[in-house]
C-alpha atoms as a PDB file:
ATOM      1  CA  MET A   1       5.643  24.392 -79.674  1.00  0.00           C
ATOM      2  CA  ASP A   2       3.472  27.467 -79.223  1.00  0.00           C
ATOM      3  CA  VAL A   3       0.570  26.202 -77.091  1.00  0.00           C
ATOM      4  CA  LEU A   4      -0.098  22.980 -75.153  1.00  0.00           C
ATOM      5  CA  ARG A   5      -3.556  22.327 -73.687  1.00  0.00           C
ATOM      6  CA  LEU A   6      -4.799  19.549 -71.412  1.00  0.00           C
ATOM      7  CA  THR A   7      -8.508  19.084 -70.740  1.00  0.00           C
ATOM      8  CA  GLY A   8     -10.476  16.452 -68.927  1.00  0.00           C
ATOM      9  CA  ALA A   9     -14.064  15.493 -68.258  1.00  0.00           C
ATOM     10  CA  TYR A  10     -15.916  13.008 -66.093  1.00  0.00           C
ATOM     11  CA  HIS A  11     -19.348  11.581 -66.862  1.00  0.00           C
ATOM     12  CA  ASP A  12     -21.597   9.565 -64.544  1.00  0.00           C
ATOM     13  CA  PHE A  13     -24.307   7.793 -66.544  1.00  0.00           C
ATOM     14  CA  GLN A  14     -27.544   7.169 -64.623  1.00  0.00           C
ATOM     15  CA  SER A  15     -31.080   6.489 -65.777  1.00  0.00           C
ATOM     16  CA  THR A  16     -33.643   9.220 -65.171  1.00  0.00           C
ATOM     17  CA  THR A  17     -36.016   6.641 -63.705  1.00  0.00           C
ATOM     18  CA  GLY A  18     -35.408   3.269 -62.113  1.00  0.00           C
ATOM     19  CA  HIS A  19     -32.057   4.128 -60.492  1.00  0.00           C
ATOM     20  CA  ILE A  20     -30.034   2.194 -63.085  1.00  0.00           C
ATOM     21  CA  ASN A  21     -26.284   2.834 -63.139  1.00  0.00           C
ATOM     22  CA  TYR A  22     -24.914   2.752 -66.694  1.00  0.00           C
ATOM     23  CA  GLY A  23     -21.327   3.338 -65.580  1.00  0.00           C
ATOM     24  CA  ASP A  24     -18.946   6.263 -65.739  1.00  0.00           C
ATOM     25  CA  GLU A  25     -16.363   7.638 -68.119  1.00  0.00           C
ATOM     26  CA  ALA A  26     -13.191   9.707 -67.799  1.00  0.00           C
ATOM     27  CA  ASP A  27     -11.951  11.606 -70.873  1.00  0.00           C
ATOM     28  CA  PHE A  28      -8.677  13.416 -71.468  1.00  0.00           C
ATOM     29  CA  MET A  29      -7.486  15.463 -74.420  1.00  0.00           C
ATOM     30  CA  ILE A  30      -4.114  17.021 -75.220  1.00  0.00           C
ATOM     31  CA  THR A  31      -3.731  19.511 -78.051  1.00  0.00           C
ATOM     32  CA  ALA A  32      -0.466  21.037 -79.174  1.00  0.00           C
ATOM     33  CA  ASP A  33       0.016  23.911 -81.608  1.00  0.00           C
ATOM     34  CA  VAL A  34       3.335  22.776 -83.042  1.00  0.00           C
ATOM     35  CA  TRP A  35       3.669  25.127 -85.993  1.00  0.00           C
ATOM     36  CA  LYS A  36       1.694  28.137 -87.164  1.00  0.00           C
ATOM     37  CA  ARG A  37      -0.821  26.001 -89.051  1.00  0.00           C
ATOM     38  CA  VAL A  38      -0.498  22.534 -87.500  1.00  0.00           C
ATOM     39  CA  VAL A  39      -2.301  21.253 -84.399  1.00  0.00           C
ATOM     40  CA  LEU A  40      -1.763  17.752 -83.007  1.00  0.00           C
ATOM     41  CA  LEU A  41      -4.458  16.090 -80.902  1.00  0.00           C
ATOM     42  CA  GLU A  42      -4.544  13.049 -78.646  1.00  0.00           C
ATOM     43  CA  LYS A  43      -7.712  11.808 -76.931  1.00  0.00           C
ATOM     44  CA  TYR A  44      -8.215   9.084 -74.349  1.00  0.00           C
ATOM     45  CA  ALA A  45     -11.522   7.742 -73.021  1.00  0.00           C
ATOM     46  CA  ASN A  46     -12.029   5.149 -70.296  1.00  0.00           C
ATOM     47  CA  TYR A  47     -15.583   3.831 -69.832  1.00  0.00           C
ATOM     48  CA  ASP A  48     -16.340   1.653 -66.795  1.00  0.00           C
ATOM     49  CA  SER A  49     -19.685  -0.007 -67.441  1.00  0.00           C
ATOM     50  CA  ALA A  50     -20.414  -0.943 -63.815  1.00  0.00           C
ATOM     51  CA  ARG A  51     -21.472  -4.395 -65.107  1.00  0.00           C
ATOM     52  CA  PHE A  52     -24.095  -2.813 -67.386  1.00  0.00           C
ATOM     53  CA  ALA A  53     -22.214  -3.449 -70.644  1.00  0.00           C
ATOM     54  CA  THR A  54     -18.626  -3.876 -71.830  1.00  0.00           C
ATOM     55  CA  ASP A  55     -15.848  -1.658 -70.466  1.00  0.00           C
ATOM     56  CA  ARG A  56     -14.043   0.350 -73.142  1.00  0.00           C
ATOM     57  CA  ARG A  57     -10.724   2.150 -73.386  1.00  0.00           C
ATOM     58  CA  LYS A  58     -10.000   4.160 -76.503  1.00  0.00           C
ATOM     59  CA  ILE A  59      -7.141   6.344 -77.633  1.00  0.00           C
ATOM     60  CA  TRP A  60      -6.913   8.234 -80.893  1.00  0.00           C
ATOM     61  CA  PHE A  61      -4.666  10.762 -82.570  1.00  0.00           C
ATOM     62  CA  SER A  62      -5.280  13.387 -85.208  1.00  0.00           C
ATOM     63  CA  ALA A  63      -3.602  16.305 -86.922  1.00  0.00           C
ATOM     64  CA  GLU A  64      -5.216  19.500 -88.135  1.00  0.00           C
ATOM     65  CA  ILE A  65      -3.763  21.709 -90.841  1.00  0.00           C
ATOM     66  CA  ARG A  66      -5.123  25.220 -90.988  1.00  0.00           C
ATOM     67  CA  TYR A  67      -4.941  27.288 -94.142  1.00  0.00           C
END
Protein backbone atom coordinates (compact mmCIF):
# COMPACT_ATOMS: atom_id res chain seq x y z
CA MET A 1 0.00 0.00 0.00
CA ASP A 2 1.49 3.30 -1.12
CA VAL A 3 -0.77 5.90 0.53
CA LEU A 4 -3.51 5.74 3.18
CA ARG A 5 -5.66 8.81 3.88
CA LEU A 6 -8.29 9.44 6.55
CA THR A 7 -10.53 12.50 6.40
CA GLY A 8 -13.49 13.62 8.43
CA ALA A 9 -16.08 16.36 8.47
CA TYR A 10 -18.80 17.57 10.80
CA HIS A 11 -21.92 19.44 9.72
CA ASP A 12 -24.44 21.24 11.93
CA PHE A 13 -27.66 21.90 10.02
CA GLN A 14 -29.59 24.98 11.18
CA SER A 15 -32.21 27.12 9.47
CA THR A 16 -31.19 30.64 8.51
CA THR A 17 -34.37 31.97 10.10
CA GLY A 18 -36.62 30.58 12.80
CA HIS A 19 -33.88 28.85 14.83
CA ILE A 20 -34.82 25.37 13.58
CA ASN A 21 -32.32 22.59 14.25
CA TYR A 22 -32.21 20.10 11.36
CA GLY A 23 -29.65 17.86 13.07
CA ASP A 24 -25.98 17.17 12.56
CA GLU A 25 -23.83 14.78 10.58
CA ALA A 26 -20.38 13.25 10.98
CA ASP A 27 -18.61 11.93 7.86
CA PHE A 28 -15.46 9.85 7.54
CA MET A 29 -13.58 8.68 4.47
CA ILE A 30 -10.62 6.33 4.06
CA THR A 31 -8.78 6.06 0.76
CA ALA A 32 -5.95 3.66 0.04
CA ASP A 33 -3.67 3.63 -2.99
CA VAL A 34 -3.09 -0.11 -3.12
CA TRP A 35 -1.40 -0.45 -6.50
CA LYS A 36 -0.11 2.05 -9.03
CA ARG A 37 -3.52 2.44 -10.68
CA VAL A 38 -6.00 1.22 -8.06
CA VAL A 39 -7.55 3.28 -5.25
CA LEU A 40 -9.97 1.81 -2.71
CA LEU A 41 -12.46 4.05 -0.91
CA GLU A 42 -14.69 3.62 2.11
CA LYS A 43 -17.14 6.29 3.30
CA TYR A 44 -19.28 6.46 6.42
CA ALA A 45 -21.94 9.05 7.26
CA ASN A 46 -23.96 9.34 10.46
CA TYR A 47 -26.86 11.81 10.44
CA ASP A 48 -28.61 12.60 13.74
CA SER A 49 -31.87 14.34 12.86
CA ALA A 50 -32.47 15.88 16.30
CA ARG A 51 -36.11 14.72 15.98
CA PHE A 52 -36.53 16.70 12.74
CA ALA A 53 -36.57 13.66 10.43
CA THR A 54 -35.21 10.11 10.37
CA ASP A 55 -31.68 9.35 11.58
CA ARG A 56 -29.47 7.77 8.92
CA ARG A 57 -26.25 5.78 8.93
CA LYS A 58 -24.67 4.91 5.61
CA ILE A 59 -21.51 3.13 4.58
CA TRP A 60 -20.31 2.56 1.04
CA PHE A 61 -17.27 1.23 -0.76
CA SER A 62 -15.81 1.90 -4.17
CA ALA A 63 -12.75 1.19 -6.27
CA GLU A 64 -11.13 3.46 -8.81
CA ILE A 65 -8.93 2.25 -11.64
CA ARG A 66 -6.74 4.86 -13.25
CA TYR A 67 -5.40 4.44 -16.76
